[in-house]
Amino acid sequence: MIGTRVTLRLRMSAHDAHYAGELVDGARMLALFGDLATELLIRLDGDEGLFRAYETVEFLAPVFAGDYIEASAELVAVGNTSRKIRFEARKVIANLRAPGLAASASEVLGEPIVVARAVGTCVTPKEMQRRPRELYMPGLPAGPAPSPDAIVTPDVAFGSEELILTAAIVGAELTRAQTPHLPITPQEVADEAARCREAGAAVIHLHVRAADGSNTQSSARFAEVIEAIRKKCDCIIQPTTGGAVGMSIDERSGPLACKPEMATLNCGTINFGDDVFVNSRPDIRQLAAKLRAAGAMPELECYEVGHVEEALALAAEGVLGKPMHFQFVLGVKGAIPAREDVVHYLRSLVPADATWAVAATGRFQQPMTELAMRLGGHARVGLEDNIFLSKGVLSDGSAPLVARAAAYARSIGRTPVDPQRARQLLGLGK
């Protein structure tokens, strides 16, 4: 039953338009969600049931008369009488409404726009439940069995209800020209770290910039920024030792002079866009030794399947200690793609006593983040990996991306933890 989905598609008419004769109000989306919930309850219980309450409702993009909306509902939890349902509405055809075009001009969207999301609970009283649970009516025509990502309460073998969110708030490649909200000065970085902490982040993945905005691995600059962050919030600070393409090991290890609790360790060489990010096996061992000397737990950044295997081999040799924390970085051009099957396979390689998280680039960030949460993993979000929100508007920093991820986590029964609990889950200090 869990994972059963129903979908409908319809065109918004002039009758649906409520504001200025064109804009459709949000209540219309909720009415669609109500119809979908009714169908799910009929298939499950043989009764229309009652809609009890919405836990969350988000209106993410405008809907106009002439737009085609595809709405879906997925059953995510079943109690004795309660049925928890996740809803999503997407715009698949848009009336263009552009100067110089006819009023009837429309376009099929190559990538649908999510216009609304919600999570709600319906109730079917026991005396109204006509159908035994094992005989519920599936959607017709019959489709494939629900995939593992439909199980929203993670199995204890794959994770826990607790979630560690990491915010990547600066990045090595971004410029102020790309986003005016990029934090550069120590105070700007500290303020953004505090905003992300309030939004649900427990870890700050940290690059720093020189005063002119250029990327740097200067230990002095890291010291300034880390001190500023520590004055503002209690997040785990995780500086990068990745640096930029072509940096020496000594340059890349600059932030370790600050004695951070964690730091990144890139586990192999990759094509990085049009460049090559070289991490030879001797380099990895040398950096691992530097992290151990600094007392920093490695965050094992894996851009390829072979990087996971390399980390496991280093652990077997005693070069890396335990516990281990893997970070799967997906969607970098030239490296492993951001796909569901990739996450399933990478997760299968991770030892049972290790933790893992996903960071995905660009438009892949949100779906891969949500997939990781459903599979029991942790997640990294922020401007470093994605300077745009899903609706195509420049973000006002990383905090909104953290808040969106935290809201989704809570909607599926996972709880973003505070930094102190994250330290315990990661095994820092052991």
Protein backbone atom coordinates (compact mmCIF):
# COMPACT_ATOMS: atom_id res chain seq x y z
CA MET A 1 0.00 0.00 0.00
CA ILE A 2 2.76 2.43 0.90
CA GLY A 3 3.87 4.11 -2.32
CA THR A 4 0.50 3.86 -4.09
CA ARG A 5 0.16 6.91 -6.35
CA VAL A 6 -2.71 8.48 -8.25
CA THR A 7 -2.48 11.30 -10.78
CA LEU A 8 -4.76 13.66 -12.66
CA ARG A 9 -4.16 16.30 -15.32
CA LEU A 10 -6.44 19.14 -16.30
CA ARG A 11 -6.46 22.59 -17.86
CA MET A 12 -7.07 25.67 -15.75
CA SER A 13 -9.97 27.55 -17.32
CA ALA A 14 -11.05 31.17 -17.17
CA HIS A 15 -13.56 30.02 -14.55
CA ASP A 16 -10.64 28.97 -12.30
CA ALA A 17 -8.93 32.37 -12.57
CA HIS A 18 -9.53 34.41 -9.44
CA TYR A 19 -7.19 37.41 -9.50
CA ALA A 20 -6.98 40.01 -12.29
CA GLY A 21 -8.92 37.62 -14.50
CA GLU A 22 -5.81 35.45 -15.05
CA LEU A 23 -4.21 34.15 -11.85
CA VAL A 24 -5.56 30.94 -10.33
CA ASP A 25 -5.72 30.96 -6.54
CA GLY A 26 -3.99 28.37 -4.38
CA ALA A 27 -7.30 26.93 -3.20
CA ARG A 28 -7.73 25.38 -6.65
CA MET A 29 -4.57 23.30 -6.11
CA LEU A 30 -5.87 22.20 -2.72
CA ALA A 31 -9.14 21.15 -4.35
CA LEU A 32 -7.16 18.93 -6.73
CA PHE A 33 -5.29 17.46 -3.78
CA GLY A 34 -8.61 16.72 -2.10
CA ASP A 35 -9.86 14.84 -5.18
CA LEU A 36 -6.67 12.78 -5.29
CA ALA A 37 -6.90 11.97 -1.58
CA THR A 38 -10.46 10.76 -2.13
CA GLU A 39 -9.35 8.39 -4.89
CA LEU A 40 -6.55 6.99 -2.73
CA LEU A 41 -8.97 6.34 0.14
CA ILE A 42 -11.46 4.65 -2.18
CA ARG A 43 -8.73 2.34 -3.50
CA LEU A 44 -7.52 1.59 0.02
CA ASP A 45 -10.73 1.47 2.09
CA GLY A 46 -13.64 1.43 -0.33
CA ASP A 47 -14.83 4.72 1.18
CA GLU A 48 -14.20 8.40 0.46
CA GLY A 49 -13.08 9.08 4.03
CA LEU A 50 -12.50 12.54 5.49
CA PHE A 51 -9.68 15.04 5.08
CA ARG A 52 -8.50 15.89 8.60
CA ALA A 53 -5.64 18.39 8.24
CA TYR A 54 -2.66 19.61 6.23
CA GLU A 55 0.74 19.48 7.94
CA THR A 56 2.47 21.62 5.32
CA VAL A 57 1.34 23.53 2.26
CA GLU A 58 3.71 25.30 -0.14
CA PHE A 59 2.72 27.42 -3.13
CA LEU A 60 5.88 27.61 -5.21
CA ALA A 61 4.97 29.17 -8.58
CA PRO A 62 1.99 31.05 -10.10
CA VAL A 63 -0.71 29.26 -12.10
CA PHE A 64 -2.69 31.04 -14.82
CA ALA A 65 -5.79 30.30 -16.84
CA GLY A 66 -4.74 28.15 -19.80
CA ASP A 67 -2.01 26.29 -17.90
CA TYR A 68 -2.16 22.50 -17.70
CA ILE A 69 -1.61 21.13 -14.21
CA GLU A 70 -0.62 17.56 -13.41
CA ALA A 71 -1.27 16.71 -9.76
CA SER A 72 -0.29 13.53 -7.95
CA ALA A 73 -0.74 12.04 -4.51
CA GLU A 74 1.31 9.31 -2.84
CA LEU A 75 0.34 7.29 0.22
CA VAL A 76 3.24 7.52 2.66
CA ALA A 77 1.88 6.13 5.96
CA VAL A 78 -1.12 4.10 7.13
CA GLY A 79 -2.45 3.98 10.69
CA ASN A 80 -5.54 2.31 12.11
CA THR A 81 -7.75 5.07 10.73
CA SER A 82 -5.31 7.72 9.51
CA ARG A 83 -3.72 7.86 6.06
CA LYS A 84 -0.81 10.25 5.49
CA ILE A 85 -0.51 11.51 1.92
CA ARG A 86 2.09 13.59 0.07
CA PHE A 87 0.85 15.83 -2.77
CA GLU A 88 2.56 17.64 -5.63
CA ALA A 89 1.19 19.76 -8.48
CA ARG A 90 3.28 20.51 -11.59
CA LYS A 91 2.71 22.82 -14.53
CA VAL A 92 3.30 20.80 -17.71
CA ILE A 93 1.92 23.24 -20.31
CA ALA A 94 2.07 27.01 -19.91
CA ASN A 95 0.07 29.76 -21.54
CA LEU A 96 2.93 32.05 -22.59
CA ARG A 97 1.43 35.52 -22.04
CA ALA A 98 4.38 37.24 -23.70
CA PRO A 99 4.41 40.58 -25.57
CA GLY A 100 3.98 40.12 -29.31
CA LEU A 101 2.39 36.68 -29.01
CA ALA A 102 -1.24 35.78 -29.42
CA ALA A 103 -3.26 35.37 -26.23
CA SER A 104 -3.66 31.69 -27.12
CA ALA A 105 0.09 31.02 -27.47
CA SER A 106 1.12 28.07 -25.26
CA GLU A 107 4.11 25.78 -24.84
CA VAL A 108 4.76 22.25 -23.58
CA LEU A 109 7.40 22.60 -20.85
CA GLY A 110 10.50 20.47 -21.28
CA GLU A 111 10.83 20.31 -17.50
CA PRO A 112 7.59 20.67 -15.50
CA ILE A 113 7.43 23.44 -12.92
CA VAL A 114 6.40 22.41 -9.42
CA VAL A 115 3.68 24.88 -8.41
CA ALA A 116 2.50 23.40 -5.11
CA ARG A 117 3.37 20.76 -2.54
CA ALA A 118 1.57 19.58 0.56
CA VAL A 119 1.44 16.84 3.15
CA GLY A 120 -1.90 15.98 4.72
CA THR A 121 -3.69 13.38 6.80
CA CYS A 122 -7.04 11.79 5.98
CA VAL A 123 -9.18 9.57 8.21
CA THR A 124 -11.43 6.63 7.39
CA PRO A 125 -13.37 5.51 10.50
CA LYS A 126 -13.00 1.78 11.14
CA GLU A 127 -16.68 1.11 10.60
CA MET A 128 -16.38 2.68 7.13
CA GLN A 129 -13.41 0.57 6.05
CA ARG A 130 -15.12 -1.93 3.77
CA ARG A 131 -12.05 -3.54 2.28
CA PRO A 132 -9.43 -5.65 4.11
CA ARG A 133 -6.05 -4.01 3.78
CA GLU A 134 -4.51 -6.85 1.80
CA LEU A 135 -7.23 -6.42 -0.87
CA TYR A 136 -6.77 -2.71 -1.58
CA MET A 137 -7.35 -1.71 -5.21
CA PRO A 138 -4.13 -0.66 -6.93
CA GLY A 139 -4.01 2.09 -9.52
CA LEU A 140 -5.17 1.05 -12.96
CA PRO A 141 -3.72 0.26 -15.36
CA ALA A 142 -1.33 -1.78 -13.25
CA GLY A 143 2.17 -0.37 -13.06
CA PRO A 144 5.46 -1.56 -11.55
CA ALA A 145 5.72 -2.28 -7.85
CA PRO A 146 6.70 0.77 -5.74
CA SER A 147 10.44 1.32 -5.85
CA PRO A 148 12.52 1.57 -2.64
CA ASP A 149 12.35 5.40 -2.74
CA ALA A 150 8.65 5.22 -1.95
CA ILE A 151 9.42 3.93 1.56
CA VAL A 152 9.59 7.19 3.43
CA THR A 153 10.30 5.92 6.94
CA PRO A 154 13.86 4.61 6.54
CA ASP A 155 14.54 1.01 7.50
CA VAL A 156 16.81 0.71 10.52
CA ALA A 157 19.29 -1.17 8.34
CA PHE A 158 19.75 1.89 6.15
CA GLY A 159 19.69 4.78 8.59
CA SER A 160 17.61 6.41 11.26
CA GLU A 161 14.94 9.03 11.66
CA GLU A 162 17.64 11.55 12.56
CA LEU A 163 19.12 13.63 9.73
CA ILE A 164 22.34 15.63 9.48
CA LEU A 165 22.04 18.61 7.13
CA THR A 166 25.22 20.24 5.83
CA ALA A 167 25.22 23.74 4.33
CA ALA A 168 27.82 24.53 1.64
CA ILE A 169 27.62 28.32 1.79
CA VAL A 170 30.60 29.66 -0.21
CA GLY A 171 32.13 27.33 -2.80
CA ALA A 172 35.31 27.55 -4.84
CA GLU A 173 33.91 28.59 -8.22
CA LEU A 174 31.12 31.10 -7.52
CA THR A 175 31.47 34.86 -8.00
CA ARG A 176 29.46 37.84 -6.82
CA ALA A 177 28.46 38.32 -10.45
CA GLN A 178 26.59 34.99 -10.28
CA THR A 179 24.88 35.74 -7.01
CA PRO A 180 24.94 38.94 -4.98
CA HIS A 181 24.29 36.86 -1.85
CA LEU A 182 27.63 35.05 -1.89
CA PRO A 183 29.26 35.59 1.54
CA ILE A 184 32.91 36.65 1.31
CA THR A 185 34.00 38.56 4.41
CA PRO A 186 34.38 36.65 7.70
CA GLN A 187 31.32 38.42 9.11
CA GLU A 188 29.22 37.65 6.03
CA VAL A 189 30.18 33.97 6.19
CA ALA A 190 29.47 33.83 9.92
CA ASP A 191 26.07 35.49 9.50
CA GLU A 192 25.12 33.04 6.75
CA ALA A 193 26.31 30.11 8.85
CA ALA A 194 24.07 31.28 11.70
CA ARG A 195 21.09 31.60 9.32
CA CYS A 196 21.70 28.06 8.09
CA ARG A 197 21.96 26.81 11.68
CA GLU A 198 18.56 28.35 12.43
CA ALA A 199 17.14 26.74 9.26
CA GLY A 200 18.27 23.26 10.32
CA ALA A 201 21.94 22.80 9.35
CA ALA A 202 24.33 21.11 11.77
CA VAL A 203 27.49 21.25 9.61
CA ILE A 204 29.03 24.12 7.63
CA HIS A 205 31.07 22.92 4.63
CA LEU A 206 33.56 25.75 4.24
CA HIS A 207 35.53 27.36 1.44
CA VAL A 208 36.88 30.87 2.05
CA ARG A 209 37.70 33.86 -0.13
CA ALA A 210 40.45 36.43 0.05
CA ALA A 211 39.45 40.09 0.45
CA ASP A 212 39.37 40.46 -3.36
CA GLY A 213 36.89 37.58 -3.65
CA SER A 214 39.37 35.03 -5.04
CA ASN A 215 39.43 31.45 -3.74
CA THR A 216 42.16 30.80 -1.18
CA GLN A 217 43.38 28.04 1.13
CA SER A 218 45.24 30.50 3.38
CA SER A 219 45.35 29.24 6.96
CA ALA A 220 45.19 32.85 8.18
CA ARG A 221 42.01 33.53 6.23
CA PHE A 222 40.44 30.28 7.40
CA ALA A 223 41.33 31.20 10.98
CA GLU A 224 39.52 34.55 10.61
CA VAL A 225 36.41 32.98 9.14
CA ILE A 226 36.28 30.02 11.54
CA GLU A 227 36.66 32.33 14.54
CA ALA A 228 33.79 34.48 13.26
CA ILE A 229 31.55 31.43 12.76
CA ARG A 230 32.30 30.08 16.23
CA LYS A 231 31.22 33.39 17.75
CA LYS A 232 27.87 33.18 15.93
CA CYS A 233 26.84 29.52 16.17
CA ASP A 234 27.80 26.04 17.34
CA CYS A 235 27.85 24.28 13.96
CA ILE A 236 30.46 21.68 13.08
CA ILE A 237 32.88 23.47 10.74
CA GLN A 238 34.12 21.32 7.88
CA PRO A 239 36.77 23.15 5.80
CA THR A 240 37.82 21.88 2.42
CA THR A 241 41.25 20.50 1.59
CA GLY A 242 40.21 20.23 -2.05
CA GLY A 243 41.28 23.71 -2.99
CA ALA A 244 41.36 24.51 -6.69
CA VAL A 245 42.66 22.56 -9.65
CA GLY A 246 46.48 22.55 -9.58
CA MET A 247 46.94 23.41 -5.88
CA SER A 248 49.74 21.64 -4.03
CA ILE A 249 49.09 19.41 -1.00
CA ASP A 250 50.63 22.01 1.34
CA GLU A 251 48.37 24.74 -0.06
CA ARG A 252 45.28 22.56 0.14
CA SER A 253 45.94 21.56 3.75
CA GLY A 254 46.17 25.17 4.96
CA PRO A 255 42.90 25.13 6.95
CA LEU A 256 44.08 22.15 9.03
CA ALA A 257 46.21 24.59 11.02
CA CYS A 258 42.90 25.73 12.57
CA LYS A 259 42.34 22.25 14.10
CA PRO A 260 38.80 21.74 12.72
CA GLU A 261 36.60 18.87 13.90
CA MET A 262 36.15 17.64 10.31
CA ALA A 263 37.72 18.35 6.93
CA THR A 264 37.20 17.01 3.43
CA LEU A 265 39.36 14.31 1.88
CA ASN A 266 38.93 13.83 -1.87
CA CYS A 267 39.28 10.13 -2.58
CA GLY A 268 40.45 10.13 -6.20
CA THR A 269 41.13 11.97 -9.45
CA ILE A 270 38.24 13.19 -11.61
CA ASN A 271 37.50 15.12 -14.76
CA PHE A 272 36.09 18.33 -13.31
CA GLY A 273 34.31 20.08 -16.15
CA ASP A 274 37.05 20.91 -18.63
CA ASP A 275 39.78 20.51 -15.99
CA VAL A 276 41.29 17.53 -14.20
CA PHE A 277 41.27 17.50 -10.41
CA VAL A 278 44.26 15.32 -9.54
CA ASN A 279 44.24 13.34 -6.31
CA SER A 280 46.85 10.63 -6.65
CA ARG A 281 46.98 7.78 -4.17
CA PRO A 282 50.14 9.20 -2.53
CA ASP A 283 48.38 12.59 -2.29
CA ILE A 284 45.37 11.01 -0.60
CA ARG A 285 47.57 9.21 1.92
CA GLN A 286 49.52 12.38 2.65
CA LEU A 287 46.37 14.41 3.21
CA ALA A 288 44.88 11.65 5.34
CA ALA A 289 47.97 11.76 7.56
CA LYS A 290 47.67 15.55 7.84
CA LEU A 291 44.00 15.24 8.86
CA ARG A 292 44.89 12.64 11.48
CA ALA A 293 47.66 14.87 12.86
CA ALA A 294 45.21 17.80 13.06
CA GLY A 295 42.62 15.67 14.86
CA ALA A 296 40.09 16.20 12.06
CA MET A 297 37.65 13.49 10.99
CA PRO A 298 37.77 13.01 7.19
CA GLU A 299 34.64 13.69 5.18
CA LEU A 300 35.31 11.25 2.34
CA GLU A 301 34.31 13.05 -0.85
CA CYS A 302 33.52 10.51 -3.57
CA TYR A 303 32.85 11.67 -7.14
CA GLU A 304 33.10 8.17 -8.62
CA VAL A 305 32.42 4.58 -7.57
CA GLY A 306 36.17 3.95 -7.50
CA HIS A 307 36.57 6.67 -4.88
CA VAL A 308 34.40 4.70 -2.46
CA GLU A 309 36.48 1.58 -3.13
CA GLU A 310 39.68 3.58 -2.56
CA ALA A 311 38.41 4.85 0.80
CA LEU A 312 37.51 1.31 1.86
CA ALA A 313 40.95 0.08 0.81
CA LEU A 314 42.65 2.84 2.82
CA ALA A 315 40.55 1.95 5.85
CA ALA A 316 41.57 -1.72 5.48
CA GLU A 317 45.21 -0.61 5.43
CA GLY A 318 44.74 1.51 8.56
CA VAL A 319 45.34 4.80 6.72
CA LEU A 320 41.78 5.87 7.57
CA GLY A 321 40.22 5.29 10.94
CA LYS A 322 36.63 4.65 11.98
CA PRO A 323 33.89 5.75 12.05
CA MET A 324 33.79 6.77 8.37
CA HIS A 325 31.58 9.40 6.77
CA PHE A 326 31.08 9.30 2.98
CA GLN A 327 29.93 12.25 0.88
CA PHE A 328 28.65 11.25 -2.58
CA VAL A 329 29.07 14.24 -4.91
CA LEU A 330 26.81 13.77 -7.93
CA GLY A 331 26.33 15.62 -11.20
CA VAL A 332 29.77 17.17 -11.72
CA LYS A 333 30.43 17.23 -15.46
CA GLY A 334 32.95 14.49 -16.19
CA ALA A 335 32.15 12.48 -13.06
CA ILE A 336 29.36 10.21 -11.86
CA PRO A 337 25.84 11.36 -12.79
CA ALA A 338 23.04 12.31 -10.41
CA ARG A 339 20.68 9.34 -10.81
CA GLU A 340 18.64 7.22 -8.46
CA ASP A 341 20.35 3.97 -9.43
CA VAL A 342 23.73 5.56 -8.72
CA VAL A 343 22.70 6.47 -5.16
CA HIS A 344 21.35 2.97 -4.53
CA TYR A 345 24.63 1.41 -5.69
CA LEU A 346 26.91 3.80 -3.79
CA ARG A 347 24.87 3.25 -0.65
CA SER A 348 25.26 -0.51 -1.05
CA LEU A 349 29.07 -0.14 -0.81
CA VAL A 350 29.06 1.72 2.50
CA PRO A 351 29.82 -0.36 5.63
CA ALA A 352 27.01 -0.72 8.15
CA ASP A 353 28.93 1.25 10.78
CA ALA A 354 29.55 4.24 8.46
CA THR A 355 27.38 7.24 7.63
CA TRP A 356 26.76 8.66 4.16
CA ALA A 357 25.34 11.78 2.57
CA VAL A 358 24.55 13.14 -0.89
CA ALA A 359 25.53 16.46 -2.48
CA ALA A 360 24.24 17.08 -6.00
CA THR A 361 24.82 19.97 -8.36
CA GLY A 362 22.41 22.38 -10.02
CA ARG A 363 18.89 21.19 -10.74
CA PHE A 364 19.78 17.76 -9.34
CA GLN A 365 20.28 19.07 -5.83
CA GLN A 366 16.68 18.95 -4.67
CA PRO A 367 15.64 15.52 -6.08
CA MET A 368 18.87 13.83 -4.99
CA THR A 369 18.67 15.44 -1.54
CA GLU A 370 15.13 14.17 -1.09
CA LEU A 371 16.08 10.71 -2.37
CA ALA A 372 18.94 10.49 0.14
CA MET A 373 16.55 11.39 2.94
CA ARG A 374 14.08 8.70 1.89
CA LEU A 375 16.88 6.11 1.80
CA GLY A 376 18.12 6.95 5.29
CA GLY A 377 21.15 9.04 4.31
CA HIS A 378 22.13 12.60 5.11
CA ALA A 379 22.37 15.58 2.76
CA ARG A 380 24.33 18.68 1.75
CA VAL A 381 22.67 21.72 0.21
CA GLY A 382 23.69 25.30 -0.46
CA LEU A 383 25.01 27.86 -2.91
CA GLU A 384 28.25 25.98 -3.57
CA ASP A 385 26.34 23.26 -5.42
CA ASN A 386 23.27 25.15 -6.60
CA ILE A 387 22.90 28.92 -6.92
CA PHE A 388 19.30 28.66 -8.09
CA LEU A 389 16.08 27.71 -6.37
CA SER A 390 13.90 25.13 -8.13
CA LYS A 391 11.59 27.79 -9.54
CA GLY A 392 14.46 29.50 -11.34
CA VAL A 393 14.92 32.52 -9.08
CA LEU A 394 18.28 33.49 -7.62
CA SER A 395 18.52 32.33 -4.04
CA ASP A 396 19.02 34.83 -1.24
CA GLY A 397 21.70 32.65 0.26
CA SER A 398 21.97 29.04 1.37
CA ALA A 399 19.56 29.27 4.32
CA PRO A 400 16.39 28.96 2.15
CA LEU A 401 17.82 25.79 0.58
CA VAL A 402 18.49 24.38 4.05
CA ALA A 403 15.00 25.35 5.23
CA ARG A 404 13.39 23.65 2.22
CA ALA A 405 15.38 20.46 2.81
CA ALA A 406 14.52 20.50 6.52
CA ALA A 407 10.81 20.94 5.77
CA TYR A 408 10.85 18.00 3.37
CA ALA A 409 12.68 15.86 5.93
CA ARG A 410 10.04 16.55 8.57
CA SER A 411 7.27 15.78 6.08
CA ILE A 412 8.59 12.21 5.71
CA GLY A 413 9.27 11.60 9.37
CA ARG A 414 12.94 12.55 9.62
CA THR A 415 14.25 15.09 12.11
CA PRO A 416 17.15 17.46 11.34
CA VAL A 417 19.46 17.26 14.34
CA ASP A 418 21.35 20.03 16.09
CA PRO A 419 25.17 20.20 15.94
CA GLN A 420 25.66 18.47 19.29
CA ARG A 421 23.61 15.46 18.22
CA ALA A 422 25.35 15.46 14.82
CA ARG A 423 28.68 15.15 16.62
CA GLN A 424 27.40 12.05 18.39
CA LEU A 425 26.02 10.49 15.20
CA LEU A 426 29.27 11.13 13.30
CA GLY A 427 31.42 9.86 16.15
CA LEU A 428 33.44 13.05 16.46
CA GLY A 429 35.91 12.94 19.29
CA LYS A 430 36.08 9.14 19.40
